[in-house]
């Protein structure tokens, strides 16, 4: 009887450990990264620029910053890193995202789109006009 309890405890412990390992391995596959490089008219990296991410094309009427899913400010190299979570993909394993920058008059001065799959890392460039 004592050995049966020990076997059950060992089996339970193994199930818990295997479950934890499988959950952590899936979360990495459900994430994705989009690195957006922003350049000025002279093709110089633009630091300190806010990049807005949309899940619908800007031309479809989502013309305000309040509709952005997320915004990130570019670093000293002109790069804004967007870490996507599984919720950003809804029910699909890929999503098309639109990245936009605005000028001081709140007008679009650069945009780019990318389709990314879960687990991918993509690099895109916005050349401001």
N, C-alpha and C. Protein backbone atom coordinates (compact mmCIF):
# COMPACT_ATOMS: atom_id res chain seq x y z
N UNK A 1 0.83 -1.20 0.00
CA UNK A 1 0.00 0.00 0.00
C UNK A 1 0.87 1.25 0.00
N UNK A 2 1.95 1.21 0.75
CA UNK A 2 2.84 2.37 0.82
C UNK A 2 3.48 2.66 -0.53
N UNK A 3 3.86 1.62 -1.25
CA UNK A 3 4.49 1.83 -2.56
C UNK A 3 3.49 2.41 -3.55
N UNK A 4 2.24 2.04 -3.48
CA UNK A 4 1.23 2.56 -4.39
C UNK A 4 1.06 4.07 -4.20
N UNK A 5 1.09 4.54 -2.97
CA UNK A 5 0.99 5.98 -2.70
C UNK A 5 2.20 6.72 -3.25
N UNK A 6 3.38 6.15 -3.08
CA UNK A 6 4.59 6.77 -3.59
C UNK A 6 4.56 6.84 -5.13
N UNK A 7 4.08 5.77 -5.75
CA UNK A 7 3.98 5.75 -7.21
C UNK A 7 2.99 6.81 -7.67
N UNK A 8 1.87 6.94 -6.99
CA UNK A 8 0.86 7.93 -7.36
C UNK A 8 1.41 9.35 -7.20
N UNK A 9 2.13 9.60 -6.09
CA UNK A 9 2.72 10.91 -5.88
C UNK A 9 3.74 11.22 -6.97
N UNK A 10 4.54 10.25 -7.32
CA UNK A 10 5.55 10.43 -8.37
C UNK A 10 4.89 10.71 -9.71
N UNK A 11 3.85 9.96 -10.03
CA UNK A 11 3.13 10.18 -11.29
C UNK A 11 2.49 11.57 -11.32
N UNK A 12 1.89 11.96 -10.21
CA UNK A 12 1.27 13.29 -10.14
C UNK A 12 2.32 14.38 -10.36
N UNK A 13 3.47 14.25 -9.70
CA UNK A 13 4.55 15.21 -9.85
C UNK A 13 5.02 15.28 -11.29
N UNK A 14 5.15 14.14 -11.95
CA UNK A 14 5.60 14.11 -13.35
C UNK A 14 4.57 14.79 -14.26
N UNK A 15 3.30 14.58 -14.00
CA UNK A 15 2.25 15.22 -14.81
C UNK A 15 2.30 16.73 -14.65
N UNK A 16 2.49 17.19 -13.41
CA UNK A 16 2.57 18.63 -13.16
C UNK A 16 3.78 19.24 -13.88
N UNK A 17 4.92 18.60 -13.79
CA UNK A 17 6.14 19.11 -14.43
C UNK A 17 5.97 19.12 -15.94
N UNK A 18 5.44 18.06 -16.52
CA UNK A 18 5.26 17.98 -17.97
C UNK A 18 4.26 19.04 -18.45
N UNK A 19 3.23 19.28 -17.69
CA UNK A 19 2.25 20.31 -18.05
C UNK A 19 2.90 21.69 -18.05
N UNK A 20 3.68 21.97 -17.05
CA UNK A 20 4.36 23.27 -16.97
C UNK A 20 5.32 23.45 -18.13
N UNK A 21 6.06 22.41 -18.47
CA UNK A 21 6.99 22.51 -19.60
C UNK A 21 6.27 22.70 -20.91
N UNK A 22 5.17 22.02 -21.11
CA UNK A 22 4.45 22.16 -22.38
C UNK A 22 3.82 23.53 -22.51
N UNK A 23 3.38 24.13 -21.40
CA UNK A 23 2.79 25.46 -21.47
C UNK A 23 3.85 26.51 -21.80
N UNK A 24 5.03 26.40 -21.23
CA UNK A 24 6.07 27.38 -21.53
C UNK A 24 6.58 27.24 -22.95
N UNK A 25 6.61 26.04 -23.49
CA UNK A 25 7.09 25.88 -24.86
C UNK A 25 6.06 26.39 -25.86
N UNK A 26 4.79 26.35 -25.56
CA UNK A 26 3.77 26.84 -26.48
C UNK A 26 3.73 28.36 -26.50
N UNK A 27 4.00 29.00 -25.39
CA UNK A 27 3.87 30.45 -25.36
C UNK A 27 4.86 31.12 -26.29
N UNK A 28 6.05 30.58 -26.46
CA UNK A 28 7.02 31.16 -27.38
C UNK A 28 6.57 31.06 -28.82
N UNK A 29 5.88 29.98 -29.16
CA UNK A 29 5.38 29.79 -30.52
C UNK A 29 4.20 30.70 -30.82
N UNK A 30 3.49 31.13 -29.78
CA UNK A 30 2.31 31.96 -29.97
C UNK A 30 2.66 33.44 -30.10
N UNK A 31 3.91 33.80 -29.84
CA UNK A 31 4.32 35.19 -29.89
C UNK A 31 4.99 35.49 -31.23
N UNK A 32 5.10 36.75 -31.54
CA UNK A 32 5.82 37.20 -32.72
C UNK A 32 6.39 38.59 -32.43
N UNK A 33 7.33 39.01 -33.25
CA UNK A 33 7.96 40.32 -33.08
C UNK A 33 8.00 41.02 -34.43
N UNK A 34 7.65 42.29 -34.42
CA UNK A 34 7.82 43.13 -35.60
C UNK A 34 8.70 44.31 -35.21
N UNK A 35 9.83 44.44 -35.91
CA UNK A 35 10.76 45.54 -35.69
C UNK A 35 10.53 46.54 -36.81
N UNK A 36 10.12 47.75 -36.45
CA UNK A 36 9.83 48.79 -37.42
C UNK A 36 10.94 49.82 -37.38
N UNK A 37 11.65 49.96 -38.50
CA UNK A 37 12.69 50.98 -38.61
C UNK A 37 12.08 52.21 -39.29
N UNK A 38 12.25 53.36 -38.68
CA UNK A 38 11.72 54.60 -39.24
C UNK A 38 12.89 55.45 -39.73
N UNK A 39 12.78 55.91 -40.99
CA UNK A 39 13.82 56.75 -41.58
C UNK A 39 13.21 58.06 -42.06
N UNK A 40 14.02 59.12 -42.00
CA UNK A 40 13.59 60.45 -42.47
C UNK A 40 13.69 60.49 -43.99
N UNK A 41 13.34 61.65 -44.56
CA UNK A 41 13.45 61.84 -46.00
C UNK A 41 14.86 61.56 -46.51
N UNK A 42 15.85 61.88 -45.72
CA UNK A 42 17.24 61.64 -46.09
C UNK A 42 17.71 60.24 -45.78
N UNK A 43 16.78 59.36 -45.46
CA UNK A 43 17.06 57.96 -45.11
C UNK A 43 17.96 57.82 -43.88
N UNK A 44 17.82 58.79 -42.98
CA UNK A 44 18.53 58.76 -41.70
C UNK A 44 17.59 58.17 -40.65
N UNK A 45 18.07 57.25 -39.80
CA UNK A 45 17.21 56.69 -38.75
C UNK A 45 16.62 57.80 -37.88
N UNK A 46 15.31 57.71 -37.64
CA UNK A 46 14.59 58.74 -36.88
C UNK A 46 14.32 58.24 -35.46
N UNK A 47 15.03 58.80 -34.49
CA UNK A 47 14.81 58.40 -33.09
C UNK A 47 13.74 59.29 -32.48
N UNK A 48 13.05 58.74 -31.47
CA UNK A 48 12.03 59.50 -30.76
C UNK A 48 10.72 59.67 -31.49
N UNK A 49 10.49 58.87 -32.52
CA UNK A 49 9.25 58.94 -33.30
C UNK A 49 8.28 57.89 -32.79
N UNK A 50 7.03 58.27 -32.59
CA UNK A 50 6.02 57.31 -32.14
C UNK A 50 5.44 56.58 -33.36
N UNK A 51 5.48 55.26 -33.30
CA UNK A 51 4.93 54.41 -34.36
C UNK A 51 3.66 53.79 -33.80
N UNK A 52 2.57 53.88 -34.58
CA UNK A 52 1.27 53.35 -34.16
C UNK A 52 0.97 52.08 -34.95
N UNK A 53 0.47 51.05 -34.25
CA UNK A 53 0.13 49.78 -34.88
C UNK A 53 -1.39 49.63 -34.95
N UNK A 54 -1.87 49.30 -36.14
CA UNK A 54 -3.30 49.08 -36.38
C UNK A 54 -3.50 47.68 -36.94
N UNK A 55 -4.67 47.11 -36.68
CA UNK A 55 -4.99 45.82 -37.28
C UNK A 55 -5.94 45.97 -38.47
N UNK A 56 -6.17 47.20 -38.88
CA UNK A 56 -6.98 47.49 -40.06
C UNK A 56 -6.26 48.59 -40.83
N UNK A 57 -6.39 48.58 -42.15
CA UNK A 57 -5.70 49.57 -42.96
C UNK A 57 -6.18 50.98 -42.62
N UNK A 58 -5.26 51.88 -42.51
CA UNK A 58 -5.54 53.27 -42.16
C UNK A 58 -6.54 53.90 -43.13
N UNK A 59 -6.48 53.53 -44.39
CA UNK A 59 -7.37 54.10 -45.40
C UNK A 59 -8.82 53.66 -45.25
N UNK A 60 -9.07 52.67 -44.41
CA UNK A 60 -10.43 52.17 -44.22
C UNK A 60 -11.22 53.00 -43.21
N UNK A 61 -10.70 54.11 -42.78
CA UNK A 61 -11.45 54.98 -41.89
C UNK A 61 -10.93 55.06 -40.47
N UNK A 62 -9.98 54.21 -40.11
CA UNK A 62 -9.40 54.29 -38.78
C UNK A 62 -8.30 55.35 -38.82
N UNK A 63 -8.73 56.60 -38.83
CA UNK A 63 -7.81 57.70 -39.10
C UNK A 63 -7.36 58.43 -37.85
N UNK A 64 -7.56 57.86 -36.71
CA UNK A 64 -7.19 58.54 -35.48
C UNK A 64 -6.27 57.65 -34.65
N UNK A 65 -5.40 58.28 -33.90
CA UNK A 65 -4.46 57.54 -33.05
C UNK A 65 -5.18 56.71 -32.00
N UNK A 66 -6.39 57.11 -31.62
CA UNK A 66 -7.10 56.37 -30.57
C UNK A 66 -7.49 54.96 -31.02
N UNK A 67 -7.49 54.69 -32.32
CA UNK A 67 -7.82 53.36 -32.82
C UNK A 67 -6.61 52.44 -32.89
N UNK A 68 -5.44 52.95 -32.57
CA UNK A 68 -4.23 52.13 -32.60
C UNK A 68 -4.30 51.06 -31.53
N UNK A 69 -3.82 49.87 -31.88
CA UNK A 69 -3.76 48.78 -30.91
C UNK A 69 -2.60 48.98 -29.93
N UNK A 70 -1.55 49.63 -30.42
CA UNK A 70 -0.37 49.84 -29.59
C UNK A 70 0.49 50.93 -30.23
N UNK A 71 1.30 51.58 -29.43
CA UNK A 71 2.27 52.54 -29.97
C UNK A 71 3.60 52.35 -29.24
N UNK A 72 4.69 52.54 -30.00
CA UNK A 72 6.04 52.40 -29.45
C UNK A 72 6.89 53.54 -30.02
N UNK A 73 7.74 54.11 -29.19
CA UNK A 73 8.64 55.18 -29.60
C UNK A 73 9.95 54.55 -30.09
N UNK A 74 10.47 55.05 -31.21
CA UNK A 74 11.71 54.51 -31.76
C UNK A 74 12.89 54.83 -30.85
N UNK A 75 13.85 53.90 -30.84
CA UNK A 75 15.06 54.09 -30.04
C UNK A 75 16.08 54.95 -30.79
N UNK A 76 17.29 55.02 -30.27
CA UNK A 76 18.32 55.87 -30.89
C UNK A 76 18.71 55.42 -32.30
N UNK A 77 18.38 54.17 -32.65
CA UNK A 77 18.66 53.66 -34.00
C UNK A 77 17.45 53.75 -34.92
N UNK A 78 16.38 54.38 -34.46
CA UNK A 78 15.18 54.51 -35.28
C UNK A 78 14.33 53.26 -35.32
N UNK A 79 14.47 52.37 -34.33
CA UNK A 79 13.75 51.09 -34.32
C UNK A 79 12.68 51.10 -33.22
N UNK A 80 11.48 50.67 -33.59
CA UNK A 80 10.39 50.44 -32.63
C UNK A 80 10.09 48.95 -32.65
N UNK A 81 10.18 48.30 -31.49
CA UNK A 81 9.95 46.86 -31.38
C UNK A 81 8.55 46.59 -30.86
N UNK A 82 7.78 45.84 -31.63
CA UNK A 82 6.44 45.45 -31.22
C UNK A 82 6.43 43.95 -30.93
N UNK A 83 6.17 43.59 -29.68
CA UNK A 83 6.04 42.20 -29.29
C UNK A 83 4.58 41.80 -29.32
N UNK A 84 4.25 40.89 -30.22
CA UNK A 84 2.86 40.46 -30.37
C UNK A 84 2.59 39.25 -29.51
N UNK A 85 1.41 39.22 -28.92
CA UNK A 85 1.00 38.10 -28.09
C UNK A 85 -0.04 37.27 -28.85
N UNK A 86 -0.36 36.12 -28.34
CA UNK A 86 -1.31 35.25 -29.04
C UNK A 86 -2.66 35.94 -29.23
N UNK A 87 -3.03 36.85 -28.33
CA UNK A 87 -4.32 37.53 -28.46
C UNK A 87 -4.35 38.44 -29.70
N UNK A 88 -3.19 38.91 -30.16
CA UNK A 88 -3.13 39.75 -31.35
C UNK A 88 -3.49 38.97 -32.62
N UNK A 89 -3.43 37.64 -32.53
CA UNK A 89 -3.70 36.80 -33.69
C UNK A 89 -5.15 36.33 -33.77
N UNK A 90 -5.93 36.60 -32.76
CA UNK A 90 -7.31 36.16 -32.67
C UNK A 90 -7.36 34.65 -32.88
N UNK A 91 -8.09 34.16 -33.88
CA UNK A 91 -8.23 32.73 -34.10
C UNK A 91 -7.31 32.21 -35.19
N UNK A 92 -6.59 33.09 -35.86
CA UNK A 92 -5.74 32.70 -36.98
C UNK A 92 -4.30 32.58 -36.52
N UNK A 93 -3.46 31.96 -37.35
CA UNK A 93 -2.04 31.86 -36.99
C UNK A 93 -1.21 32.95 -37.66
N UNK A 94 -1.87 33.88 -38.35
CA UNK A 94 -1.19 35.01 -38.98
C UNK A 94 -2.09 36.22 -38.93
N UNK A 95 -1.47 37.39 -39.01
CA UNK A 95 -2.23 38.63 -38.96
C UNK A 95 -1.48 39.68 -39.80
N UNK A 96 -2.26 40.52 -40.48
CA UNK A 96 -1.67 41.65 -41.20
C UNK A 96 -1.83 42.89 -40.34
N UNK A 97 -0.71 43.56 -40.13
CA UNK A 97 -0.69 44.74 -39.28
C UNK A 97 -0.18 45.94 -40.08
N UNK A 98 -0.64 47.12 -39.68
CA UNK A 98 -0.30 48.36 -40.36
C UNK A 98 0.38 49.28 -39.35
N UNK A 99 1.51 49.83 -39.74
CA UNK A 99 2.30 50.70 -38.87
C UNK A 99 2.36 52.08 -39.49
N UNK A 100 2.06 53.11 -38.68
CA UNK A 100 1.91 54.47 -39.19
C UNK A 100 2.65 55.45 -38.29
N UNK A 101 3.25 56.46 -38.92
CA UNK A 101 3.80 57.60 -38.19
C UNK A 101 3.06 58.85 -38.63
N UNK A 102 3.00 59.83 -37.73
CA UNK A 102 2.30 61.08 -37.99
C UNK A 102 3.27 62.25 -37.86
N UNK A 103 2.98 63.34 -38.57
CA UNK A 103 3.78 64.56 -38.40
C UNK A 103 3.17 65.40 -37.28
N UNK A 104 3.72 66.58 -37.07
CA UNK A 104 3.24 67.43 -35.97
C UNK A 104 1.83 67.98 -36.21
N UNK A 105 1.36 67.94 -37.46
CA UNK A 105 0.00 68.38 -37.77
C UNK A 105 -1.01 67.23 -37.70
N UNK A 106 -0.54 66.07 -37.18
CA UNK A 106 -1.38 64.89 -37.03
C UNK A 106 -1.77 64.28 -38.39
N UNK A 107 -0.92 64.48 -39.38
CA UNK A 107 -1.13 63.90 -40.70
C UNK A 107 -0.19 62.72 -40.88
N UNK A 108 -0.63 61.70 -41.61
CA UNK A 108 0.21 60.54 -41.86
C UNK A 108 1.43 60.98 -42.67
N UNK A 109 2.62 60.60 -42.18
CA UNK A 109 3.82 60.90 -42.94
C UNK A 109 4.68 59.66 -43.20
N UNK A 110 4.11 58.50 -42.97
CA UNK A 110 4.78 57.25 -43.27
C UNK A 110 3.94 56.08 -42.83
N UNK A 111 3.97 55.02 -43.65
CA UNK A 111 3.23 53.81 -43.25
C UNK A 111 3.79 52.60 -43.96
N UNK A 112 3.57 51.45 -43.35
CA UNK A 112 4.00 50.18 -43.90
C UNK A 112 3.10 49.09 -43.34
N UNK A 113 2.97 48.00 -44.08
CA UNK A 113 2.16 46.87 -43.64
C UNK A 113 3.00 45.60 -43.69
N UNK A 114 2.65 44.65 -42.85
CA UNK A 114 3.35 43.37 -42.83
C UNK A 114 2.38 42.28 -42.36
N UNK A 115 2.53 41.11 -42.94
CA UNK A 115 1.80 39.93 -42.46
C UNK A 115 2.80 39.08 -41.69
N UNK A 116 2.44 38.76 -40.48
CA UNK A 116 3.34 38.00 -39.61
C UNK A 116 2.61 36.78 -39.08
N UNK A 117 3.34 35.67 -38.98
CA UNK A 117 2.80 34.42 -38.42
C UNK A 117 3.25 34.30 -36.97
N UNK A 118 2.53 33.50 -36.23
CA UNK A 118 2.95 33.21 -34.86
C UNK A 118 4.36 32.64 -34.88
N UNK A 119 5.18 33.12 -33.97
CA UNK A 119 6.54 32.63 -33.85
C UNK A 119 7.55 33.31 -34.76
N UNK A 120 7.12 34.19 -35.65
CA UNK A 120 8.03 34.87 -36.58
C UNK A 120 8.57 36.17 -36.01
N UNK A 121 9.67 36.61 -36.58
CA UNK A 121 10.19 37.94 -36.33
C UNK A 121 10.37 38.59 -37.69
N UNK A 122 9.74 39.75 -37.87
CA UNK A 122 9.80 40.47 -39.14
C UNK A 122 10.40 41.85 -38.93
N UNK A 123 11.11 42.32 -39.95
CA UNK A 123 11.69 43.66 -39.95
C UNK A 123 11.09 44.43 -41.13
N UNK A 124 10.56 45.62 -40.85
CA UNK A 124 10.03 46.46 -41.91
C UNK A 124 10.57 47.88 -41.74
N UNK A 125 10.44 48.67 -42.80
CA UNK A 125 10.93 50.05 -42.77
C UNK A 125 9.83 51.00 -43.17
N UNK A 126 9.72 52.09 -42.43
CA UNK A 126 8.84 53.20 -42.81
C UNK A 126 9.74 54.34 -43.24
N UNK A 127 9.62 54.73 -44.50
CA UNK A 127 10.32 55.91 -45.01
C UNK A 127 9.35 57.08 -44.94
N UNK A 128 9.61 57.99 -44.03
CA UNK A 128 8.71 59.13 -43.86
C UNK A 128 8.78 60.05 -45.08
N UNK A 129 7.64 60.64 -45.42
CA UNK A 129 7.58 61.56 -46.57
C UNK A 129 7.15 62.93 -46.13
